[in-house]
Amino acid sequence: MSKWDIVAAAFGLLLIVGSVRNWNWLCDPTGAPYAYLFGRGARRVIFLLLGVVLIIVSLWSLALG
């Protein structure tokens, strides 16, 4: 079990919770580069999907080795 698997899973969980709870520091596009491309809702979906991917990859890595 690698510590990076646990860190990736924890960060993925943080992204999922932050996008579901609509945290300002995570989802607010104000001041972000290319803020005009993605609104708040799109950023929430992107971070939710990124969190799911991080958790899946970390669990897959834990299962393989």
Protein backbone atom coordinates (compact mmCIF):
# COMPACT_ATOMS: atom_id res chain seq x y z
CA MET A 1 0.00 0.00 0.00
CA SER A 2 1.54 3.25 -1.12
CA LYS A 3 0.99 6.48 0.71
CA TRP A 4 0.28 8.15 -2.64
CA ASP A 5 -2.73 5.91 -3.18
CA ILE A 6 -4.18 7.10 0.09
CA VAL A 7 -3.36 10.73 -0.72
CA ALA A 8 -5.02 10.42 -4.14
CA ALA A 9 -8.14 8.85 -2.61
CA ALA A 10 -8.30 11.54 0.08
CA PHE A 11 -7.91 14.31 -2.49
CA GLY A 12 -10.58 12.69 -4.66
CA LEU A 13 -12.92 12.57 -1.69
CA LEU A 14 -12.17 16.22 -0.95
CA LEU A 15 -13.03 17.16 -4.55
CA ILE A 16 -16.28 15.20 -4.45
CA VAL A 17 -17.39 16.70 -1.15
CA GLY A 18 -16.37 20.19 -2.29
CA SER A 19 -18.30 19.96 -5.53
CA VAL A 20 -21.41 18.51 -3.91
CA ARG A 21 -21.38 21.09 -1.11
CA ASN A 22 -20.57 23.87 -3.61
CA TRP A 23 -17.59 25.27 -1.70
CA ASN A 24 -16.62 28.75 -2.87
CA TRP A 25 -12.86 28.17 -2.78
CA LEU A 26 -13.28 25.23 -5.14
CA CYS A 27 -16.17 26.13 -7.42
CA ASP A 28 -15.99 29.91 -7.80
CA PRO A 29 -14.56 30.80 -11.22
CA THR A 30 -13.85 34.44 -10.31
CA GLY A 31 -10.22 35.28 -10.92
CA ALA A 32 -9.38 31.90 -12.40
CA PRO A 33 -7.66 31.76 -15.77
CA TYR A 34 -10.14 31.04 -18.53
CA ALA A 35 -13.02 31.74 -16.15
CA TYR A 36 -15.19 32.76 -19.08
CA LEU A 37 -15.08 29.22 -20.52
CA PHE A 38 -16.50 27.35 -17.54
CA GLY A 39 -19.18 28.58 -15.20
CA ARG A 40 -19.73 27.48 -11.63
CA GLY A 41 -21.89 24.51 -12.60
CA ALA A 42 -19.43 23.23 -15.15
CA ARG A 43 -16.58 23.51 -12.66
CA ARG A 44 -18.62 21.52 -10.12
CA VAL A 45 -19.16 18.71 -12.64
CA ILE A 46 -15.50 18.72 -13.68
CA PHE A 47 -14.28 18.51 -10.08
CA LEU A 48 -16.83 15.81 -9.26
CA LEU A 49 -15.65 13.69 -12.19
CA LEU A 50 -12.00 14.32 -11.32
CA GLY A 51 -12.66 13.17 -7.75
CA VAL A 52 -14.36 10.00 -8.96
CA VAL A 53 -11.46 9.25 -11.31
CA LEU A 54 -8.90 9.81 -8.54
CA ILE A 55 -10.72 7.45 -6.19
CA ILE A 56 -11.12 4.76 -8.85
CA VAL A 57 -7.46 4.92 -9.86
CA SER A 58 -6.24 4.84 -6.26
CA LEU A 59 -8.47 1.85 -5.41
CA TRP A 60 -7.33 0.10 -8.59
CA SER A 61 -3.71 0.71 -7.66
CA LEU A 62 -4.31 -0.60 -4.14
CA ALA A 63 -5.96 -3.75 -5.52
CA LEU A 64 -3.11 -4.46 -7.93
CA GLY A 65 -0.23 -4.02 -5.63
